[in-house]
Amino acid sequence: MAPLTNKVDFVFYFDIRDGNPNGDPDAGNLPRIDPETGHGIVTDVCLKRKLRNHVALTKGTDPGHEIFVKEKAILNDLIEDAHKDPKVEGRKDKGEKTEAARQYMCERFFDVRTFGAVMSTGKNAGQVRGPVQLTFARSVDPIVTLEHSITRMAVATREEAEKQEGGNRTMGRKATVPYALYRTHGFVSPSLAAQVGFSTADLNLLWDGFARMFDDDRSAARGFMASRALLIFEHSSGLGNAPAHRLFDLITSRRRDPERPPRDFSDYEILVDQSVPQGVTLDTRHF
């Protein structure tokens, strides 16, 4: 597999209609929001979960593409598996054993060598600082959060049914955002990639995940979510040819009709300033 040699920065846009993109457990699972500005927030952890699920669905049975952080996983058992590997078990020096276990985990698990992991909670497999890092996603405009009363024509137990009057109807609440366009930023470090074996093939799989992760993750609670645009800045060197913030400033968005509340991606346009610094190329992908 070809090693990654050039620094990469990217901007990713996605949107939601009539759903909850990322509930806040500290606020009754309402959509996350910046209370000072009213902008919506989706955490990096939420986005990485969807990327992990995409890789598990499409490549999970292939060698080197298992997922370490997944539902019902017992992480210490997986770390212990690394110490049972002959290449690790045979090491006598404690530091060498930890490093060998770390390399084993990077080779086996896609998300470890992509996003990193702390693997010292049981038998020590060290820590990995992932070459791919994401920021929180933030909505382009302030959002409106709605709560809807919903009903269910059934109850869970016979005792509940006996208490009901006028049928087995039960009540609930559902939180949604009518519409919001979100933007997040990402960074790929070739120096960190070299330490963990993250390759260009891994990076291409990640790009495929950004394009398809919402199609793999449908839920009534999340309404309709879609990937909209991925704008990739590739530098001609490993250290980069321009600061990331300068590149990100080249990408902006605006409402076509500021007087009308947005309810569809067509209500926005993404603007790209083509004055990209020398030594940087821009790859624009619309979905």
Protein backbone atom coordinates (compact mmCIF):
# COMPACT_ATOMS: atom_id res chain seq x y z
CA MET A 1 0.00 0.00 0.00
CA ALA A 2 1.28 3.44 -0.96
CA PRO A 3 2.32 5.58 2.03
CA LEU A 4 0.79 8.98 2.59
CA THR A 5 3.36 11.70 1.88
CA ASN A 6 1.42 14.97 1.56
CA LYS A 7 -0.45 16.96 4.18
CA VAL A 8 -4.22 17.19 3.63
CA ASP A 9 -6.84 19.58 5.03
CA PHE A 10 -10.52 19.37 4.17
CA VAL A 11 -13.96 20.92 4.61
CA PHE A 12 -17.09 18.75 4.76
CA TYR A 13 -20.70 19.92 4.43
CA PHE A 14 -23.75 17.85 5.37
CA ASP A 15 -27.35 18.70 6.13
CA ILE A 16 -30.42 17.44 7.95
CA ARG A 17 -34.15 17.89 7.45
CA ASP A 18 -36.75 17.10 10.12
CA GLY A 19 -34.45 15.14 12.39
CA ASN A 20 -32.04 15.24 15.32
CA PRO A 21 -28.44 15.02 14.06
CA ASN A 22 -26.79 14.60 17.47
CA GLY A 23 -28.79 14.58 20.69
CA ASP A 24 -27.33 16.04 23.89
CA PRO A 25 -27.84 13.62 26.83
CA ASP A 26 -27.34 16.55 29.24
CA ALA A 27 -30.33 18.35 27.68
CA GLY A 28 -32.93 15.59 27.39
CA ASN A 29 -31.43 14.46 24.05
CA LEU A 30 -32.36 17.74 22.35
CA PRO A 31 -30.18 18.69 19.36
CA ARG A 32 -26.86 20.12 20.50
CA ILE A 33 -26.72 23.89 20.28
CA ASP A 34 -24.41 26.79 21.08
CA PRO A 35 -26.53 28.72 23.60
CA GLU A 36 -24.85 32.05 22.83
CA THR A 37 -25.28 32.02 19.04
CA GLY A 38 -28.03 29.47 18.44
CA HIS A 39 -25.87 27.52 15.99
CA GLY A 40 -26.26 23.75 15.96
CA ILE A 41 -23.37 21.45 16.89
CA VAL A 42 -22.51 17.89 15.91
CA THR A 43 -19.55 16.38 17.76
CA ASP A 44 -16.53 14.84 16.08
CA VAL A 45 -17.29 11.64 18.00
CA CYS A 46 -20.71 11.42 16.33
CA LEU A 47 -19.20 11.78 12.85
CA LYS A 48 -16.43 9.25 13.56
CA ARG A 49 -19.05 6.76 14.75
CA LYS A 50 -20.74 6.93 11.35
CA LEU A 51 -17.41 6.57 9.54
CA ARG A 52 -16.56 3.54 11.68
CA ASN A 53 -19.94 1.99 10.89
CA HIS A 54 -19.40 2.54 7.16
CA VAL A 55 -16.02 0.78 7.22
CA ALA A 56 -17.44 -2.06 9.33
CA LEU A 57 -20.29 -2.49 6.84
CA THR A 58 -18.18 -2.39 3.68
CA LYS A 59 -14.78 -3.73 4.75
CA GLY A 60 -15.23 -5.18 8.22
CA THR A 61 -14.33 -8.74 7.22
CA ASP A 62 -11.19 -7.73 5.33
CA PRO A 63 -7.84 -8.06 7.12
CA GLY A 64 -6.76 -4.78 8.63
CA HIS A 65 -10.22 -3.24 8.59
CA GLU A 66 -11.74 -4.39 11.86
CA ILE A 67 -13.19 -1.71 14.14
CA PHE A 68 -11.85 -1.37 17.68
CA VAL A 69 -14.48 0.99 19.15
CA LYS A 70 -17.79 -0.63 18.25
CA GLU A 71 -21.06 -1.57 19.91
CA LYS A 72 -20.66 -4.14 22.70
CA ALA A 73 -16.90 -4.35 22.20
CA ILE A 74 -14.84 -5.21 25.30
CA LEU A 75 -11.75 -3.16 24.60
CA ASN A 76 -9.43 -4.79 27.14
CA ASP A 77 -10.14 -8.23 25.63
CA LEU A 78 -9.08 -6.93 22.21
CA ILE A 79 -5.90 -5.45 23.69
CA GLU A 80 -5.21 -8.78 25.38
CA ASP A 81 -5.50 -10.49 21.98
CA ALA A 82 -2.60 -8.34 20.83
CA HIS A 83 -0.44 -9.62 23.70
CA LYS A 84 -1.24 -13.21 22.71
CA ASP A 85 0.16 -12.69 19.22
CA PRO A 86 3.50 -14.56 18.86
CA LYS A 87 5.30 -11.43 17.64
CA VAL A 88 4.25 -9.65 20.83
CA GLU A 89 4.28 -12.48 23.33
CA GLY A 90 7.89 -13.33 22.54
CA ARG A 91 9.22 -9.90 23.48
CA LYS A 92 10.98 -9.80 26.85
CA ASP A 93 11.49 -6.06 27.23
CA LYS A 94 8.38 -4.33 28.56
CA GLY A 95 8.75 -1.30 26.29
CA GLU A 96 9.32 -3.45 23.21
CA LYS A 97 6.27 -5.56 24.05
CA THR A 98 4.09 -2.47 24.38
CA GLU A 99 5.33 -1.09 21.06
CA ALA A 100 4.79 -4.46 19.32
CA ALA A 101 1.24 -4.61 20.72
CA ARG A 102 0.67 -1.05 19.50
CA GLN A 103 1.77 -1.96 15.99
CA TYR A 104 -0.45 -5.06 16.06
CA MET A 105 -3.48 -2.92 16.97
CA CYS A 106 -2.69 -0.43 14.20
CA GLU A 107 -2.41 -3.19 11.61
CA ARG A 108 -5.60 -4.93 12.72
CA PHE A 109 -8.00 -2.03 13.39
CA PHE A 110 -8.83 0.66 10.83
CA ASP A 111 -10.11 3.15 13.39
CA VAL A 112 -7.00 2.84 15.58
CA ARG A 113 -4.64 3.79 12.77
CA THR A 114 -7.05 6.47 11.51
CA PHE A 115 -8.37 8.28 14.58
CA GLY A 116 -6.04 6.97 17.26
CA ALA A 117 -6.84 5.27 20.58
CA VAL A 118 -5.79 4.98 24.21
CA MET A 119 -4.97 1.30 24.76
CA SER A 120 -3.51 1.29 28.26
CA THR A 121 -6.70 0.47 30.17
CA GLY A 122 -5.70 -3.18 30.64
CA LYS A 123 -2.61 -4.84 29.26
CA ASN A 124 -0.64 -1.99 27.81
CA ALA A 125 -0.72 -1.48 24.03
CA GLY A 126 0.28 2.16 24.29
CA GLN A 127 -1.45 5.13 22.74
CA VAL A 128 -1.95 6.15 19.14
CA ARG A 129 -2.35 9.73 18.02
CA GLY A 130 -4.43 9.36 14.89
CA PRO A 131 -3.34 11.04 11.65
CA VAL A 132 -6.96 12.03 10.90
CA GLN A 133 -8.56 14.61 13.17
CA LEU A 134 -12.00 16.28 12.93
CA THR A 135 -13.48 19.37 14.52
CA PHE A 136 -17.01 19.70 15.84
CA ALA A 137 -19.44 20.44 13.03
CA ARG A 138 -21.29 23.73 13.35
CA SER A 139 -24.40 24.82 11.47
CA VAL A 140 -23.94 27.58 8.92
CA ASP A 141 -26.89 29.50 10.40
CA PRO A 142 -28.61 29.46 13.80
CA ILE A 143 -31.06 26.57 14.08
CA VAL A 144 -34.56 26.17 15.44
CA THR A 145 -35.19 23.12 17.62
CA LEU A 146 -38.72 21.75 17.76
CA GLU A 147 -40.36 19.25 20.08
CA HIS A 148 -43.28 17.17 18.84
CA SER A 149 -45.76 15.15 20.85
CA ILE A 150 -46.09 11.61 19.50
CA THR A 151 -48.38 8.73 20.43
CA ARG A 152 -48.03 4.97 20.52
CA MET A 153 -51.11 2.76 20.23
CA ALA A 154 -49.73 0.19 22.66
CA VAL A 155 -48.32 -0.16 26.16
CA ALA A 156 -45.35 -2.13 27.45
CA THR A 157 -47.04 -4.13 30.24
CA ARG A 158 -50.46 -5.43 31.19
CA GLU A 159 -50.33 -3.29 34.35
CA GLU A 160 -50.02 -0.17 32.20
CA ALA A 161 -52.97 -1.30 30.06
CA GLU A 162 -55.18 -1.67 33.10
CA LYS A 163 -54.40 1.93 34.15
CA GLN A 164 -55.19 3.39 30.74
CA GLU A 165 -58.48 5.04 30.00
CA GLY A 166 -59.82 5.19 26.48
CA GLY A 167 -57.40 2.74 24.87
CA ASN A 168 -53.77 1.73 25.05
CA ARG A 169 -52.37 5.04 23.81
CA THR A 170 -49.09 6.28 25.34
CA MET A 171 -47.44 9.65 24.79
CA GLY A 172 -43.88 10.63 23.96
CA ARG A 173 -41.74 13.50 22.67
CA LYS A 174 -39.56 13.83 19.60
CA ALA A 175 -37.04 16.62 18.95
CA THR A 176 -36.15 17.78 15.45
CA VAL A 177 -34.37 20.48 13.49
CA PRO A 178 -36.52 21.60 10.51
CA TYR A 179 -33.42 22.14 8.38
CA ALA A 180 -29.74 22.91 8.91
CA LEU A 181 -26.55 22.85 6.86
CA TYR A 182 -23.48 21.88 8.90
CA ARG A 183 -19.77 22.36 8.22
CA THR A 184 -16.80 20.58 9.77
CA HIS A 185 -13.05 20.71 9.18
CA GLY A 186 -10.52 17.91 9.06
CA PHE A 187 -6.77 17.41 9.00
CA VAL A 188 -4.57 14.53 7.81
CA SER A 189 -0.95 14.35 8.97
CA PRO A 190 1.47 12.28 6.85
CA SER A 191 4.06 12.15 9.66
CA LEU A 192 1.55 10.55 12.03
CA ALA A 193 0.31 8.34 9.18
CA ALA A 194 3.82 6.96 8.72
CA GLN A 195 3.99 6.01 12.41
CA VAL A 196 0.83 3.87 12.26
CA GLY A 197 0.76 2.62 8.67
CA PHE A 198 -2.15 4.77 7.50
CA SER A 199 -1.99 4.56 3.69
CA THR A 200 -3.47 6.29 0.66
CA ALA A 201 -5.86 3.32 0.37
CA ASP A 202 -7.06 4.04 3.91
CA LEU A 203 -7.53 7.69 3.00
CA ASN A 204 -9.57 6.81 -0.09
CA LEU A 205 -11.75 4.55 2.06
CA LEU A 206 -12.25 7.47 4.42
CA TRP A 207 -13.34 9.73 1.53
CA ASP A 208 -15.82 7.05 0.49
CA GLY A 209 -17.12 7.03 4.05
CA PHE A 210 -17.76 10.76 4.00
CA ALA A 211 -19.75 10.33 0.78
CA ARG A 212 -21.89 7.42 2.00
CA MET A 213 -21.97 7.36 5.80
CA PHE A 214 -25.46 8.82 6.18
CA ASP A 215 -26.90 6.32 3.69
CA ASP A 216 -25.54 3.55 5.95
CA ASP A 217 -27.03 5.09 9.08
CA ARG A 218 -30.72 5.76 8.48
CA SER A 219 -32.90 6.27 11.54
CA ALA A 220 -36.34 7.75 12.16
CA ALA A 221 -34.83 9.98 14.84
CA ARG A 222 -32.31 11.47 12.42
CA GLY A 223 -34.81 12.40 9.73
CA PHE A 224 -33.11 12.91 6.39
CA MET A 225 -29.36 13.50 6.54
CA ALA A 226 -27.12 13.77 3.48
CA SER A 227 -23.50 14.44 2.58
CA ARG A 228 -23.38 17.52 0.36
CA ALA A 229 -19.78 18.53 -0.40
CA LEU A 230 -16.22 17.52 0.41
CA LEU A 231 -13.48 20.00 -0.45
CA ILE A 232 -9.98 18.54 -0.14
CA PHE A 233 -6.82 20.66 -0.01
CA GLU A 234 -3.74 18.54 -0.75
CA HIS A 235 -0.35 20.09 -0.12
CA SER A 236 2.72 19.22 -2.18
CA SER A 237 4.75 18.59 0.97
CA GLY A 238 4.41 16.74 4.22
CA LEU A 239 4.62 19.88 6.35
CA GLY A 240 2.12 21.82 4.26
CA ASN A 241 2.37 24.83 1.97
CA ALA A 242 -0.18 27.10 3.65
CA PRO A 243 -1.91 27.35 7.05
CA ALA A 244 -5.15 25.40 7.26
CA HIS A 245 -7.19 28.45 8.35
CA ARG A 246 -6.17 30.34 5.20
CA LEU A 247 -7.38 27.46 3.06
CA PHE A 248 -10.65 27.11 4.97
CA ASP A 249 -11.33 30.83 4.53
CA LEU A 250 -11.47 30.19 0.76
CA ILE A 251 -14.65 28.14 1.26
CA THR A 252 -17.80 30.02 2.21
CA SER A 253 -21.55 29.52 1.87
CA ARG A 254 -24.51 31.87 1.63
CA ARG A 255 -28.28 31.74 1.55
CA ARG A 256 -29.81 32.46 -1.83
CA ASP A 257 -32.70 34.29 -0.17
CA PRO A 258 -31.73 35.73 3.25
CA GLU A 259 -35.35 36.72 3.92
CA ARG A 260 -36.62 33.14 3.70
CA PRO A 261 -35.79 30.43 6.27
CA PRO A 262 -33.78 27.61 4.63
CA ARG A 263 -35.54 24.29 4.22
CA ASP A 264 -33.42 22.58 1.56
CA PHE A 265 -29.81 22.44 0.36
CA SER A 266 -30.90 24.31 -2.77
CA ASP A 267 -31.50 27.32 -0.52
CA TYR A 268 -27.71 27.60 -0.16
CA GLU A 269 -24.76 27.93 -2.49
CA ILE A 270 -21.20 26.98 -1.61
CA LEU A 271 -18.66 29.50 -2.86
CA VAL A 272 -15.05 28.59 -3.65
CA ASP A 273 -12.37 31.23 -3.98
CA GLN A 274 -10.02 29.81 -6.61
CA SER A 275 -6.97 31.75 -5.38
CA VAL A 276 -5.48 28.61 -3.84
CA PRO A 277 -1.88 29.15 -2.62
CA GLN A 278 0.99 27.75 -4.65
CA GLY A 279 1.80 24.16 -3.77
CA VAL A 280 -1.81 23.32 -2.82
CA THR A 281 -4.43 21.66 -5.03
CA LEU A 282 -8.16 21.68 -4.39
CA ASP A 283 -10.37 18.68 -5.13
CA THR A 284 -14.08 19.56 -4.92
CA ARG A 285 -16.58 16.71 -4.62
CA HIS A 286 -20.34 17.25 -4.59
CA PHE A 287 -22.69 14.45 -3.60
